[in-house]
């Protein structure tokens, strides 16, 4: 049971790292969008770099390398899905103008976002589980350090009330 919890936690942290990074770079950083907006290509490059940093920090063995592509694909898919949701929410806000949706509509939209994030997280957890189980204690320690480092770097996303991928600081409410 403890290993399952550790695996789920690692998967969540890895997912949060990539998706929070990608989300923050979309709006120009953790400052709420004050600054230049990065292109889709720039976001993809920066997401790849963050994922690559996690991989490099783990120093995977040849057997573990075989398990990495599934993790990388899941992380990239989650980041892409998150960006699509953010763009759709932005378009919906622009279409609505200054008119704010009623509370029921907002609750339904929030539930839809949570469902999508939960699905992405499940995919990442499923992809990460075999790799996480193969990590030695030193790799697990490095993974935790990488996650903490990402959390500090993402202070606007994680350090100020982050509640998980897509949480109240993760995705803008629409």
N, C-alpha and C. Protein backbone atom coordinates (compact mmCIF):
# COMPACT_ATOMS: atom_id res chain seq x y z
N UNK A 1 0.83 -1.19 0.00
CA UNK A 1 0.00 0.00 0.00
C UNK A 1 0.87 1.25 0.00
N UNK A 2 1.94 1.22 0.82
CA UNK A 2 2.82 2.38 0.91
C UNK A 2 3.49 2.66 -0.44
N UNK A 3 3.90 1.60 -1.15
CA UNK A 3 4.51 1.78 -2.46
C UNK A 3 3.52 2.37 -3.45
N UNK A 4 2.28 1.96 -3.37
CA UNK A 4 1.25 2.50 -4.28
C UNK A 4 1.05 3.98 -4.02
N UNK A 5 1.04 4.37 -2.76
CA UNK A 5 0.87 5.78 -2.41
C UNK A 5 2.08 6.58 -2.91
N UNK A 6 3.27 6.03 -2.71
CA UNK A 6 4.48 6.71 -3.20
C UNK A 6 4.45 6.85 -4.72
N UNK A 7 4.04 5.80 -5.40
CA UNK A 7 3.97 5.86 -6.86
C UNK A 7 2.97 6.90 -7.32
N UNK A 8 1.81 6.93 -6.68
CA UNK A 8 0.79 7.91 -7.05
C UNK A 8 1.27 9.33 -6.77
N UNK A 9 1.96 9.51 -5.65
CA UNK A 9 2.49 10.83 -5.31
C UNK A 9 3.53 11.27 -6.33
N UNK A 10 4.43 10.37 -6.67
CA UNK A 10 5.46 10.72 -7.67
C UNK A 10 4.82 11.07 -8.99
N UNK A 11 3.84 10.29 -9.40
CA UNK A 11 3.17 10.56 -10.67
C UNK A 11 2.49 11.92 -10.64
N UNK A 12 1.84 12.23 -9.53
CA UNK A 12 1.17 13.52 -9.41
C UNK A 12 2.17 14.66 -9.46
N UNK A 13 3.29 14.49 -8.78
CA UNK A 13 4.29 15.54 -8.78
C UNK A 13 4.93 15.72 -10.14
N UNK A 14 5.21 14.61 -10.82
CA UNK A 14 5.76 14.72 -12.16
C UNK A 14 4.76 15.41 -13.08
N UNK A 15 3.52 15.00 -12.98
CA UNK A 15 2.49 15.61 -13.82
C UNK A 15 2.38 17.09 -13.54
N UNK A 16 2.35 17.44 -12.28
CA UNK A 16 2.25 18.84 -11.91
C UNK A 16 3.41 19.65 -12.42
N UNK A 17 4.59 19.08 -12.36
CA UNK A 17 5.78 19.77 -12.84
C UNK A 17 5.63 20.16 -14.30
N UNK A 18 5.33 19.18 -15.12
CA UNK A 18 5.24 19.45 -16.56
C UNK A 18 4.04 20.32 -16.90
N UNK A 19 2.89 20.00 -16.33
CA UNK A 19 1.70 20.74 -16.72
C UNK A 19 1.67 22.14 -16.13
N UNK A 20 2.13 22.30 -14.90
CA UNK A 20 2.18 23.64 -14.33
C UNK A 20 3.17 24.49 -15.08
N UNK A 21 4.30 23.91 -15.43
CA UNK A 21 5.30 24.65 -16.20
C UNK A 21 4.70 25.10 -17.52
N UNK A 22 4.07 24.18 -18.21
CA UNK A 22 3.48 24.52 -19.51
C UNK A 22 2.40 25.58 -19.35
N UNK A 23 1.60 25.47 -18.31
CA UNK A 23 0.53 26.44 -18.10
C UNK A 23 1.10 27.83 -17.82
N UNK A 24 2.12 27.89 -16.98
CA UNK A 24 2.70 29.19 -16.66
C UNK A 24 3.38 29.81 -17.86
N UNK A 25 3.99 29.02 -18.71
CA UNK A 25 4.65 29.60 -19.86
C UNK A 25 3.65 30.10 -20.88
N UNK A 26 2.45 29.57 -20.89
CA UNK A 26 1.43 30.04 -21.82
C UNK A 26 1.08 31.49 -21.57
N UNK A 27 0.94 31.83 -20.32
CA UNK A 27 0.51 33.18 -19.98
C UNK A 27 1.69 34.10 -19.72
N UNK A 28 2.89 33.67 -20.05
CA UNK A 28 4.04 34.53 -19.84
C UNK A 28 4.61 34.38 -18.45
N UNK A 29 4.20 33.40 -17.69
CA UNK A 29 4.80 33.17 -16.38
C UNK A 29 3.75 33.12 -15.30
N UNK A 30 4.22 32.97 -14.08
CA UNK A 30 3.31 32.83 -12.96
C UNK A 30 2.69 34.13 -12.51
N UNK A 31 2.94 35.21 -13.22
CA UNK A 31 2.44 36.52 -12.83
C UNK A 31 1.05 36.79 -13.38
N UNK A 32 0.35 35.78 -13.78
CA UNK A 32 -1.03 35.96 -14.21
C UNK A 32 -1.16 36.48 -15.62
N UNK A 33 -0.14 36.35 -16.42
CA UNK A 33 -0.27 36.74 -17.81
C UNK A 33 0.28 38.11 -18.14
N UNK A 34 0.97 38.73 -17.18
CA UNK A 34 1.56 40.04 -17.45
C UNK A 34 2.92 39.83 -18.07
N UNK A 35 2.99 39.92 -19.35
CA UNK A 35 4.24 39.70 -20.05
C UNK A 35 3.95 39.06 -21.39
N UNK A 36 4.99 38.83 -22.14
CA UNK A 36 4.78 38.28 -23.49
C UNK A 36 4.23 36.86 -23.43
N UNK A 37 3.30 36.58 -24.32
CA UNK A 37 2.74 35.24 -24.42
C UNK A 37 3.66 34.43 -25.33
N UNK A 38 4.01 33.24 -24.87
CA UNK A 38 4.87 32.38 -25.66
C UNK A 38 4.05 31.66 -26.72
N UNK A 39 4.71 31.37 -27.81
CA UNK A 39 4.04 30.64 -28.88
C UNK A 39 3.85 29.19 -28.47
N UNK A 40 3.01 28.49 -29.21
CA UNK A 40 2.80 27.06 -28.95
C UNK A 40 4.11 26.30 -29.09
N UNK A 41 4.91 26.69 -30.07
CA UNK A 41 6.21 26.03 -30.27
C UNK A 41 7.12 26.27 -29.07
N UNK A 42 7.16 27.49 -28.56
CA UNK A 42 7.98 27.80 -27.39
C UNK A 42 7.52 27.00 -26.17
N UNK A 43 6.20 26.91 -25.99
CA UNK A 43 5.67 26.13 -24.85
C UNK A 43 6.07 24.68 -24.97
N UNK A 44 5.99 24.13 -26.18
CA UNK A 44 6.35 22.72 -26.39
C UNK A 44 7.84 22.51 -26.11
N UNK A 45 8.66 23.43 -26.55
CA UNK A 45 10.11 23.31 -26.32
C UNK A 45 10.41 23.38 -24.82
N UNK A 46 9.80 24.31 -24.13
CA UNK A 46 10.05 24.45 -22.70
C UNK A 46 9.50 23.26 -21.90
N UNK A 47 8.37 22.73 -22.32
CA UNK A 47 7.84 21.53 -21.67
C UNK A 47 8.78 20.36 -21.89
N UNK A 48 9.27 20.21 -23.13
CA UNK A 48 10.24 19.15 -23.42
C UNK A 48 11.48 19.30 -22.55
N UNK A 49 11.94 20.52 -22.36
CA UNK A 49 13.13 20.76 -21.54
C UNK A 49 12.89 20.36 -20.09
N UNK A 50 11.73 20.70 -19.57
CA UNK A 50 11.42 20.35 -18.18
C UNK A 50 11.34 18.84 -18.01
N UNK A 51 10.69 18.18 -18.95
CA UNK A 51 10.59 16.71 -18.90
C UNK A 51 11.99 16.10 -19.05
N UNK A 52 12.78 16.66 -19.94
CA UNK A 52 14.15 16.17 -20.12
C UNK A 52 14.99 16.33 -18.87
N UNK A 53 14.77 17.42 -18.15
CA UNK A 53 15.51 17.64 -16.91
C UNK A 53 15.16 16.58 -15.86
N UNK A 54 13.90 16.21 -15.80
CA UNK A 54 13.50 15.16 -14.86
C UNK A 54 14.18 13.85 -15.24
N UNK A 55 14.15 13.53 -16.51
CA UNK A 55 14.78 12.29 -16.97
C UNK A 55 16.28 12.30 -16.68
N UNK A 56 16.95 13.40 -17.02
CA UNK A 56 18.39 13.49 -16.79
C UNK A 56 18.73 13.35 -15.31
N UNK A 57 17.91 13.98 -14.47
CA UNK A 57 18.15 13.92 -13.03
C UNK A 57 17.98 12.53 -12.45
N UNK A 58 17.17 11.71 -13.09
CA UNK A 58 16.94 10.36 -12.59
C UNK A 58 18.08 9.41 -12.92
N UNK A 59 18.88 9.73 -13.95
CA UNK A 59 19.99 8.85 -14.36
C UNK A 59 19.49 7.42 -14.51
N UNK A 60 18.59 7.24 -15.46
CA UNK A 60 17.94 5.95 -15.65
C UNK A 60 18.93 4.89 -16.14
N UNK A 61 18.70 3.66 -15.69
CA UNK A 61 19.47 2.52 -16.17
C UNK A 61 18.92 2.12 -17.54
N UNK A 62 19.64 1.29 -18.28
CA UNK A 62 19.12 0.85 -19.58
C UNK A 62 17.74 0.19 -19.47
N UNK A 63 17.51 -0.60 -18.44
CA UNK A 63 16.19 -1.22 -18.26
C UNK A 63 15.12 -0.17 -17.96
N UNK A 64 15.47 0.83 -17.17
CA UNK A 64 14.52 1.89 -16.85
C UNK A 64 14.26 2.78 -18.06
N UNK A 65 15.26 2.97 -18.90
CA UNK A 65 15.09 3.76 -20.13
C UNK A 65 13.96 3.21 -20.98
N UNK A 66 13.78 1.91 -20.96
CA UNK A 66 12.71 1.28 -21.75
C UNK A 66 11.33 1.69 -21.24
N UNK A 67 11.24 2.05 -19.97
CA UNK A 67 9.97 2.44 -19.36
C UNK A 67 9.69 3.93 -19.51
N UNK A 68 10.69 4.71 -19.85
CA UNK A 68 10.55 6.17 -19.91
C UNK A 68 9.62 6.66 -21.01
N UNK A 69 9.64 6.12 -22.23
CA UNK A 69 8.80 6.70 -23.29
C UNK A 69 7.32 6.81 -22.92
N UNK A 70 6.79 5.85 -22.20
CA UNK A 70 5.38 5.91 -21.79
C UNK A 70 5.14 7.09 -20.84
N UNK A 71 6.09 7.32 -19.94
CA UNK A 71 5.98 8.44 -19.00
C UNK A 71 6.04 9.76 -19.76
N UNK A 72 7.02 9.87 -20.64
CA UNK A 72 7.20 11.10 -21.41
C UNK A 72 5.96 11.41 -22.26
N UNK A 73 5.43 10.39 -22.90
CA UNK A 73 4.23 10.58 -23.73
C UNK A 73 3.06 11.05 -22.88
N UNK A 74 2.88 10.41 -21.73
CA UNK A 74 1.77 10.79 -20.84
C UNK A 74 1.93 12.23 -20.37
N UNK A 75 3.15 12.62 -20.01
CA UNK A 75 3.38 14.00 -19.56
C UNK A 75 3.12 15.01 -20.68
N UNK A 76 3.61 14.70 -21.87
CA UNK A 76 3.39 15.61 -23.00
C UNK A 76 1.92 15.69 -23.37
N UNK A 77 1.23 14.56 -23.36
CA UNK A 77 -0.20 14.56 -23.67
C UNK A 77 -0.98 15.39 -22.65
N UNK A 78 -0.61 15.25 -21.36
CA UNK A 78 -1.29 16.02 -20.31
C UNK A 78 -1.04 17.51 -20.49
N UNK A 79 0.20 17.88 -20.81
CA UNK A 79 0.51 19.29 -21.02
C UNK A 79 -0.27 19.84 -22.22
N UNK A 80 -0.34 19.05 -23.28
CA UNK A 80 -1.08 19.49 -24.48
C UNK A 80 -2.57 19.64 -24.16
N UNK A 81 -3.10 18.67 -23.45
CA UNK A 81 -4.51 18.71 -23.07
C UNK A 81 -4.79 19.94 -22.21
N UNK A 82 -3.91 20.21 -21.29
CA UNK A 82 -4.08 21.36 -20.41
C UNK A 82 -4.06 22.66 -21.22
N UNK A 83 -3.14 22.77 -22.16
CA UNK A 83 -3.08 23.98 -22.98
C UNK A 83 -4.34 24.14 -23.82
N UNK A 84 -4.85 23.04 -24.33
CA UNK A 84 -6.10 23.10 -25.11
C UNK A 84 -7.25 23.58 -24.23
N UNK A 85 -7.31 23.09 -22.99
CA UNK A 85 -8.37 23.53 -22.08
C UNK A 85 -8.23 25.00 -21.75
N UNK A 86 -6.99 25.44 -21.53
CA UNK A 86 -6.77 26.86 -21.22
C UNK A 86 -7.19 27.75 -22.39
N UNK A 87 -6.82 27.34 -23.60
CA UNK A 87 -7.19 28.13 -24.78
C UNK A 87 -8.70 28.16 -24.97
N UNK A 88 -9.36 27.03 -24.74
CA UNK A 88 -10.82 26.98 -24.86
C UNK A 88 -11.47 27.87 -23.81
N UNK A 89 -10.95 27.84 -22.59
CA UNK A 89 -11.50 28.69 -21.53
C UNK A 89 -11.28 30.16 -21.85
N UNK A 90 -10.10 30.49 -22.39
CA UNK A 90 -9.81 31.87 -22.76
C UNK A 90 -10.78 32.33 -23.85
N UNK A 91 -11.00 31.48 -24.85
CA UNK A 91 -11.92 31.83 -25.94
C UNK A 91 -13.34 32.02 -25.40
N UNK A 92 -13.74 31.16 -24.47
CA UNK A 92 -15.08 31.28 -23.89
C UNK A 92 -15.21 32.59 -23.11
N UNK A 93 -14.17 32.95 -22.36
CA UNK A 93 -14.22 34.22 -21.61
C UNK A 93 -14.31 35.40 -22.56
N UNK A 94 -13.54 35.36 -23.63
CA UNK A 94 -13.57 36.46 -24.59
C UNK A 94 -14.92 36.55 -25.27
N UNK A 95 -15.52 35.40 -25.58
CA UNK A 95 -16.83 35.39 -26.23
C UNK A 95 -17.91 35.93 -25.29
N UNK A 96 -17.76 35.65 -24.00
CA UNK A 96 -18.76 36.10 -23.03
C UNK A 96 -18.62 37.59 -22.72
N UNK A 97 -17.45 38.14 -23.04
CA UNK A 97 -17.22 39.56 -22.73
C UNK A 97 -17.17 39.77 -21.24
N UNK A 98 -17.81 40.83 -20.77
CA UNK A 98 -17.79 41.14 -19.34
C UNK A 98 -18.87 40.38 -18.58
N UNK A 99 -19.73 39.70 -19.31
CA UNK A 99 -20.81 38.96 -18.67
C UNK A 99 -20.26 37.71 -18.00
N UNK A 100 -20.40 37.63 -16.70
CA UNK A 100 -19.90 36.48 -15.93
C UNK A 100 -20.95 35.38 -15.91
N UNK A 101 -20.53 34.13 -16.16
CA UNK A 101 -21.51 33.03 -16.14
C UNK A 101 -22.14 32.88 -14.76
N UNK A 102 -23.32 32.31 -14.74
CA UNK A 102 -24.01 32.10 -13.47
C UNK A 102 -23.28 31.02 -12.66
N UNK A 103 -23.55 30.94 -11.36
CA UNK A 103 -22.84 29.98 -10.50
C UNK A 103 -22.97 28.52 -10.93
N UNK A 104 -24.12 28.13 -11.42
CA UNK A 104 -24.30 26.74 -11.83
C UNK A 104 -23.44 26.43 -13.04
N UNK A 105 -23.40 27.34 -13.99
CA UNK A 105 -22.55 27.16 -15.17
C UNK A 105 -21.09 27.07 -14.76
N UNK A 106 -20.67 27.93 -13.82
CA UNK A 106 -19.28 27.89 -13.35
C UNK A 106 -18.98 26.57 -12.65
N UNK A 107 -19.91 26.06 -11.85
CA UNK A 107 -19.70 24.77 -11.18
C UNK A 107 -19.55 23.64 -12.19
N UNK A 108 -20.39 23.66 -13.20
CA UNK A 108 -20.30 22.61 -14.23
C UNK A 108 -18.97 22.70 -14.99
N UNK A 109 -18.55 23.91 -15.30
CA UNK A 109 -17.27 24.08 -15.99
C UNK A 109 -16.12 23.60 -15.12
N UNK A 110 -16.18 23.91 -13.83
CA UNK A 110 -15.13 23.45 -12.91
C UNK A 110 -15.12 21.93 -12.82
N UNK A 111 -16.29 21.33 -12.76
CA UNK A 111 -16.37 19.86 -12.70
C UNK A 111 -15.80 19.24 -13.97
N UNK A 112 -16.08 19.84 -15.11
CA UNK A 112 -15.53 19.33 -16.38
C UNK A 112 -14.01 19.42 -16.38
N UNK A 113 -13.47 20.54 -15.88
CA UNK A 113 -12.01 20.67 -15.81
C UNK A 113 -11.42 19.63 -14.88
N UNK A 114 -12.05 19.42 -13.74
CA UNK A 114 -11.56 18.43 -12.78
C UNK A 114 -11.58 17.03 -13.37
N UNK A 115 -12.65 16.71 -14.10
CA UNK A 115 -12.72 15.40 -14.76
C UNK A 115 -11.57 15.23 -15.75
N UNK A 116 -11.31 16.27 -16.53
CA UNK A 116 -10.24 16.19 -17.53
C UNK A 116 -8.88 16.05 -16.86
N UNK A 117 -8.64 16.82 -15.81
CA UNK A 117 -7.37 16.75 -15.10
C UNK A 117 -7.22 15.38 -14.43
N UNK A 118 -8.29 14.88 -13.85
CA UNK A 118 -8.23 13.56 -13.22
C UNK A 118 -7.89 12.48 -14.24
N UNK A 119 -8.48 12.57 -15.42
CA UNK A 119 -8.17 11.60 -16.47
C UNK A 119 -6.71 11.68 -16.88
N UNK A 120 -6.19 12.90 -17.04
CA UNK A 120 -4.78 13.07 -17.38
C UNK A 120 -3.89 12.50 -16.29
N UNK A 121 -4.23 12.77 -15.04
CA UNK A 121 -3.42 12.29 -13.93
C UNK A 121 -3.43 10.76 -13.84
N UNK A 122 -4.59 10.16 -14.12
CA UNK A 122 -4.65 8.70 -14.13
C UNK A 122 -3.74 8.11 -15.20
N UNK A 123 -3.73 8.73 -16.36
CA UNK A 123 -2.86 8.27 -17.45
C UNK A 123 -1.39 8.40 -17.06
N UNK A 124 -1.04 9.50 -16.43
CA UNK A 124 0.34 9.69 -16.00
C UNK A 124 0.70 8.68 -14.91
N UNK A 125 -0.20 8.47 -13.97
CA UNK A 125 0.07 7.50 -12.91
C UNK A 125 0.24 6.10 -13.49
N UNK A 126 -0.62 5.73 -14.42
CA UNK A 126 -0.51 4.40 -15.04
C UNK A 126 0.80 4.25 -15.79
N UNK A 127 1.22 5.30 -16.48
CA UNK A 127 2.46 5.24 -17.24
C UNK A 127 3.69 5.26 -16.33
N UNK A 128 3.59 5.99 -15.22
CA UNK A 128 4.73 6.17 -14.33
C UNK A 128 4.93 5.00 -13.37
N UNK A 129 3.88 4.31 -13.03
CA UNK A 129 3.96 3.26 -12.01
C UNK A 129 5.07 2.24 -12.26
N UNK A 130 5.18 1.64 -13.46
CA UNK A 130 6.26 0.67 -13.66
C UNK A 130 7.65 1.28 -13.49
N UNK A 131 7.83 2.50 -13.98
CA UNK A 131 9.14 3.15 -13.83
C UNK A 131 9.42 3.43 -12.36
N UNK A 132 8.45 4.00 -11.67
CA UNK A 132 8.67 4.35 -10.26
C UNK A 132 9.03 3.12 -9.44
N UNK A 133 8.37 2.01 -9.72
CA UNK A 133 8.67 0.77 -8.99
C UNK A 133 10.10 0.30 -9.25
N UNK A 134 10.68 0.68 -10.37
CA UNK A 134 12.03 0.24 -10.72
C UNK A 134 13.12 1.19 -10.19
N UNK A 135 12.74 2.36 -9.69
CA UNK A 135 13.73 3.32 -9.21
C UNK A 135 14.35 2.84 -7.91
N UNK A 136 15.65 3.09 -7.76
CA UNK A 136 16.29 2.78 -6.48
C UNK A 136 16.08 3.96 -5.53
N UNK A 137 16.52 3.81 -4.30
CA UNK A 137 16.29 4.86 -3.30
C UNK A 137 16.94 6.18 -3.69
N UNK A 138 18.14 6.12 -4.28
CA UNK A 138 18.82 7.35 -4.68
C UNK A 138 18.03 8.07 -5.78
N UNK A 139 17.48 7.33 -6.72
CA UNK A 139 16.68 7.94 -7.78
C UNK A 139 15.41 8.55 -7.22
N UNK A 140 14.80 7.87 -6.27
CA UNK A 140 13.59 8.42 -5.65
C UNK A 140 13.91 9.71 -4.90
N UNK A 141 15.07 9.74 -4.24
CA UNK A 141 15.50 10.94 -3.54
C UNK A 141 15.72 12.08 -4.53
N UNK A 142 16.38 11.78 -5.65
CA UNK A 142 16.60 12.80 -6.68
C UNK A 142 15.29 13.28 -7.27
N UNK A 143 14.36 12.35 -7.49
CA UNK A 143 13.06 12.75 -8.03
C UNK A 143 12.39 13.74 -7.08
N UNK A 144 12.41 13.44 -5.80
CA UNK A 144 11.81 14.36 -4.82
C UNK A 144 12.51 15.72 -4.83
N UNK A 145 13.84 15.72 -4.96
CA UNK A 145 14.58 16.99 -5.03
C UNK A 145 14.21 17.76 -6.28
N UNK A 146 14.09 17.07 -7.41
CA UNK A 146 13.70 17.73 -8.66
C UNK A 146 12.32 18.35 -8.52
N UNK A 147 11.43 17.64 -7.89
CA UNK A 147 10.07 18.16 -7.71
C UNK A 147 10.09 19.38 -6.81
N UNK A 148 10.84 19.32 -5.70
CA UNK A 148 10.92 20.49 -4.81
C UNK A 148 11.52 21.68 -5.55
N UNK A 149 12.54 21.44 -6.35
CA UNK A 149 13.17 22.51 -7.12
C UNK A 149 12.15 23.13 -8.08
N UNK A 150 11.37 22.29 -8.74
CA UNK A 150 10.35 22.80 -9.65
C UNK A 150 9.30 23.60 -8.89
N UNK A 151 8.97 23.15 -7.70
CA UNK A 151 7.98 23.85 -6.91
C UNK A 151 8.46 25.26 -6.57
N UNK A 152 9.73 25.39 -6.18
CA UNK A 152 10.28 26.72 -5.87
C UNK A 152 10.32 27.58 -7.12
N UNK A 153 10.72 27.00 -8.23
CA UNK A 153 10.79 27.76 -9.48
C UNK A 153 9.41 28.20 -9.95
N UNK A 154 8.41 27.44 -9.58
CA UNK A 154 7.03 27.71 -10.00
C UNK A 154 6.24 28.37 -8.87
N UNK A 155 6.88 29.21 -8.07
CA UNK A 155 6.24 29.76 -6.87
C UNK A 155 4.87 30.34 -7.15
N UNK A 156 4.67 30.92 -8.30
CA UNK A 156 3.35 31.47 -8.62
C UNK A 156 2.33 30.40 -8.88
N UNK A 157 2.76 29.21 -9.28
CA UNK A 157 1.82 28.13 -9.58
C UNK A 157 1.67 27.17 -8.42
N UNK A 158 2.81 26.77 -7.83
CA UNK A 158 2.73 25.77 -6.76
C UNK A 158 2.88 26.38 -5.38
N UNK A 159 3.74 27.35 -5.26
CA UNK A 159 4.09 27.85 -3.94
C UNK A 159 3.02 28.69 -3.29
N UNK A 160 2.05 29.15 -4.05
CA UNK A 160 1.00 30.01 -3.50
C UNK A 160 -0.35 29.32 -3.60
N UNK A 161 -0.52 28.30 -2.82
CA UNK A 161 -1.82 27.65 -2.75
C UNK A 161 -2.07 26.65 -3.84
N UNK A 162 -1.02 26.04 -4.38
CA UNK A 162 -1.21 25.04 -5.43
C UNK A 162 -2.01 23.90 -4.86
N UNK A 163 -3.01 23.45 -5.59
CA UNK A 163 -3.84 22.36 -5.09
C UNK A 163 -3.83 21.17 -6.02
N UNK A 164 -2.77 21.02 -6.80
CA UNK A 164 -2.66 19.89 -7.71
C UNK A 164 -2.80 20.35 -9.14
N UNK A 165 -2.48 19.47 -10.08
CA UNK A 165 -2.61 19.86 -11.48
C UNK A 165 -4.03 20.29 -11.78
N UNK A 166 -4.19 21.51 -12.26
CA UNK A 166 -5.51 22.01 -12.58
C UNK A 166 -6.24 22.57 -11.40
N UNK A 167 -5.55 22.70 -10.25
CA UNK A 167 -6.17 23.23 -9.06
C UNK A 167 -6.46 24.71 -9.19
N UNK A 168 -6.82 25.35 -8.10
CA UNK A 168 -7.28 26.73 -8.21
C UNK A 168 -6.21 27.68 -8.72
N UNK A 169 -4.95 27.36 -8.56
CA UNK A 169 -3.92 28.19 -9.18
C UNK A 169 -3.46 27.61 -10.51
N UNK A 170 -3.82 26.37 -10.79
CA UNK A 170 -3.35 25.72 -12.00
C UNK A 170 -4.08 26.18 -13.25
N UNK A 171 -5.37 26.20 -13.21
CA UNK A 171 -6.15 26.63 -14.37
C UNK A 171 -7.00 27.81 -13.96
N UNK A 172 -7.13 28.72 -14.85
CA UNK A 172 -7.98 29.87 -14.57
C UNK A 172 -9.44 29.44 -14.58
N UNK A 173 -10.16 30.09 -13.71
CA UNK A 173 -11.59 29.77 -13.68
C UNK A 173 -12.26 30.43 -14.85
N UNK A 174 -13.26 29.75 -15.38
CA UNK A 174 -13.92 30.33 -16.56
C UNK A 174 -15.38 30.47 -16.42
